Amino acid sequence: LSRILRAEKGLVYTVGTLASNGSETGYWAVKTAVAKPKLQQAMDLITIEIKRLGEGIKDTELQFVKDKLIKSRRMAMQTSESWVNFHAAFALFSEDYTLADYLQSVEAVTGADISRVAKTYFRSDTWHLSMCGDVTESDVIVNM
């Protein structure tokens, strides 16, 4: 999304994704800052990319994401505090879940896994759109 929305199209100021998960709940979100006249075009491109997840992604794209996640996690583990923070939550629910286990689980994800999850959870009836600023519901149409 960064490449498409910011670098190629110049539509947004910033773009990123957020995720949170629990034992029976979670969310995945796209967060961006866009000028009102470019809002619909940005939403259309975001929607296209999310739909594409259910249709299947290229092996090269999946490997790029895996590599980025693994490198980012390793970089984030530079202090004893980061090690404690990483392992604390897992220690409550699972014995012996290590950084190596996490990295292995990232590496094990397949394109079929991505497609299955996207088809299950990234449906138009599960979307929630939140906007702030000088916008109204009529300013954007979500075409799922």
Protein backbone atom coordinates (compact mmCIF):
# COMPACT_ATOMS: atom_id res chain seq x y z
CA LEU A 1 0.00 0.00 0.00
CA SER A 2 2.83 2.42 0.74
CA ARG A 3 4.31 1.88 -2.68
CA ILE A 4 1.01 2.26 -4.50
CA LEU A 5 -0.68 4.99 -2.48
CA ARG A 6 2.30 7.16 -1.64
CA ALA A 7 5.14 6.52 -4.06
CA GLU A 8 3.27 5.69 -7.28
CA LYS A 9 0.03 7.67 -6.97
CA GLY A 10 1.01 10.41 -4.50
CA LEU A 11 -2.42 10.16 -2.85
CA VAL A 12 -1.60 9.93 0.83
CA TYR A 13 0.68 11.55 3.35
CA THR A 14 1.17 8.39 5.38
CA VAL A 15 -0.13 4.82 5.31
CA GLY A 16 0.38 1.83 7.54
CA THR A 17 -1.33 -1.20 8.97
CA LEU A 18 -2.14 -2.15 12.52
CA ALA A 19 -3.05 -5.49 14.01
CA SER A 20 -4.03 -6.84 17.38
CA ASN A 21 -5.12 -10.29 18.37
CA GLY A 22 -6.45 -12.11 21.37
CA SER A 23 -7.62 -15.64 21.99
CA GLU A 24 -11.02 -15.00 20.38
CA THR A 25 -10.85 -11.49 18.99
CA GLY A 26 -8.67 -9.23 16.96
CA TYR A 27 -8.50 -6.58 14.30
CA TRP A 28 -6.48 -5.59 11.32
CA ALA A 29 -6.58 -2.01 10.11
CA VAL A 30 -5.24 0.29 7.47
CA LYS A 31 -4.50 3.79 8.72
CA THR A 32 -3.78 6.66 6.39
CA ALA A 33 -3.88 10.43 6.06
CA VAL A 34 -5.32 11.67 2.78
CA ALA A 35 -6.64 14.95 1.43
CA LYS A 36 -10.41 14.95 0.98
CA PRO A 37 -10.33 15.30 -2.83
CA LYS A 38 -8.19 12.14 -3.03
CA LEU A 39 -10.18 10.13 -0.47
CA GLN A 40 -12.30 8.07 -2.88
CA GLN A 41 -9.35 7.15 -5.08
CA ALA A 42 -7.32 6.07 -2.02
CA MET A 43 -10.25 4.00 -0.68
CA ASP A 44 -10.69 2.32 -4.06
CA LEU A 45 -7.02 1.30 -4.18
CA ILE A 46 -7.05 0.06 -0.59
CA THR A 47 -10.15 -2.00 -1.34
CA ILE A 48 -8.55 -3.50 -4.45
CA GLU A 49 -5.49 -4.58 -2.46
CA ILE A 50 -7.58 -6.13 0.31
CA LYS A 51 -9.68 -8.03 -2.23
CA ARG A 52 -6.47 -9.25 -3.87
CA LEU A 53 -5.46 -10.95 -0.62
CA GLY A 54 -8.40 -13.33 -0.98
CA GLU A 55 -7.55 -14.05 -4.60
CA GLY A 56 -4.00 -15.04 -3.77
CA ILE A 57 -0.70 -13.21 -3.61
CA LYS A 58 2.53 -13.84 -5.45
CA ASP A 59 5.19 -15.98 -3.78
CA THR A 60 7.65 -13.09 -4.12
CA GLU A 61 5.25 -10.75 -2.28
CA LEU A 62 4.74 -13.25 0.51
CA GLN A 63 8.48 -13.81 0.89
CA PHE A 64 9.08 -10.04 0.96
CA VAL A 65 6.61 -9.69 3.83
CA LYS A 66 8.03 -12.66 5.72
CA ASP A 67 11.57 -11.31 5.38
CA LYS A 68 10.48 -7.88 6.55
CA LEU A 69 8.62 -9.29 9.58
CA ILE A 70 11.54 -11.50 10.57
CA LYS A 71 14.16 -8.75 10.16
CA SER A 72 11.98 -6.24 12.01
CA ARG A 73 11.41 -8.62 14.90
CA ARG A 74 15.13 -9.40 15.17
CA MET A 75 15.96 -5.68 15.12
CA ALA A 76 13.35 -5.03 17.82
CA MET A 77 14.96 -7.60 20.11
CA GLN A 78 18.06 -5.55 20.90
CA THR A 79 17.46 -4.92 24.60
CA SER A 80 16.64 -7.04 27.61
CA GLU A 81 13.41 -5.05 27.97
CA SER A 82 12.33 -6.06 24.45
CA TRP A 83 13.03 -9.72 25.27
CA VAL A 84 10.93 -9.51 28.43
CA ASN A 85 8.09 -7.69 26.64
CA PHE A 86 8.05 -10.25 23.84
CA HIS A 87 7.98 -13.27 26.12
CA ALA A 88 5.75 -11.91 28.91
CA ALA A 89 2.42 -12.31 27.13
CA PHE A 90 3.32 -15.74 25.80
CA ALA A 91 4.41 -16.90 29.25
CA LEU A 92 0.87 -16.33 30.54
CA PHE A 93 -0.74 -18.59 27.95
CA SER A 94 1.89 -20.94 26.59
CA GLU A 95 4.97 -22.52 28.05
CA ASP A 96 8.19 -22.46 26.10
CA TYR A 97 7.08 -20.18 23.23
CA THR A 98 10.30 -18.58 22.09
CA LEU A 99 11.43 -16.07 19.54
CA ALA A 100 12.52 -19.00 17.38
CA ASP A 101 8.97 -20.40 17.55
CA TYR A 102 7.57 -17.04 16.45
CA LEU A 103 10.01 -16.74 13.56
CA GLN A 104 9.24 -20.31 12.51
CA SER A 105 5.50 -19.59 12.55
CA VAL A 106 6.02 -16.56 10.29
CA GLU A 107 8.08 -18.62 7.88
CA ALA A 108 5.40 -21.35 7.80
CA VAL A 109 2.64 -19.04 6.46
CA THR A 110 1.58 -19.91 2.92
CA GLY A 111 -0.23 -18.01 0.21
CA ALA A 112 -3.16 -20.38 0.71
CA ASP A 113 -3.24 -19.37 4.41
CA ILE A 114 -3.41 -15.69 3.44
CA SER A 115 -6.21 -16.34 0.95
CA ARG A 116 -8.22 -18.45 3.41
CA VAL A 117 -8.00 -15.86 6.19
CA ALA A 118 -8.78 -12.97 3.82
CA LYS A 119 -11.85 -14.75 2.46
CA THR A 120 -13.02 -15.51 6.00
CA TYR A 121 -12.42 -12.14 7.66
CA PHE A 122 -11.93 -9.43 5.02
CA ARG A 123 -15.52 -9.43 3.80
CA SER A 124 -17.55 -6.29 3.21
CA ASP A 125 -19.97 -7.26 6.00
CA THR A 126 -17.11 -7.22 8.54
CA TRP A 127 -15.64 -3.86 7.59
CA HIS A 128 -15.81 -0.83 9.81
CA LEU A 129 -14.75 2.51 8.37
CA SER A 130 -13.70 5.31 10.65
CA MET A 131 -12.79 8.77 9.37
CA CYS A 132 -12.05 12.04 11.06
CA GLY A 133 -11.84 15.53 9.73
CA ASP A 134 -14.07 17.38 7.30
CA VAL A 135 -15.71 14.23 5.87
CA THR A 136 -19.12 12.61 5.96
CA GLU A 137 -20.39 9.13 5.08
CA SER A 138 -21.45 10.40 1.67
CA ASP A 139 -17.86 11.46 0.84
CA VAL A 140 -16.70 7.89 0.28
CA ILE A 141 -18.15 4.69 -1.12
CA VAL A 142 -16.57 1.39 -0.08
CA ASN A 143 -16.77 -0.91 -3.10
CA MET A 144 -16.32 -4.39 -1.71
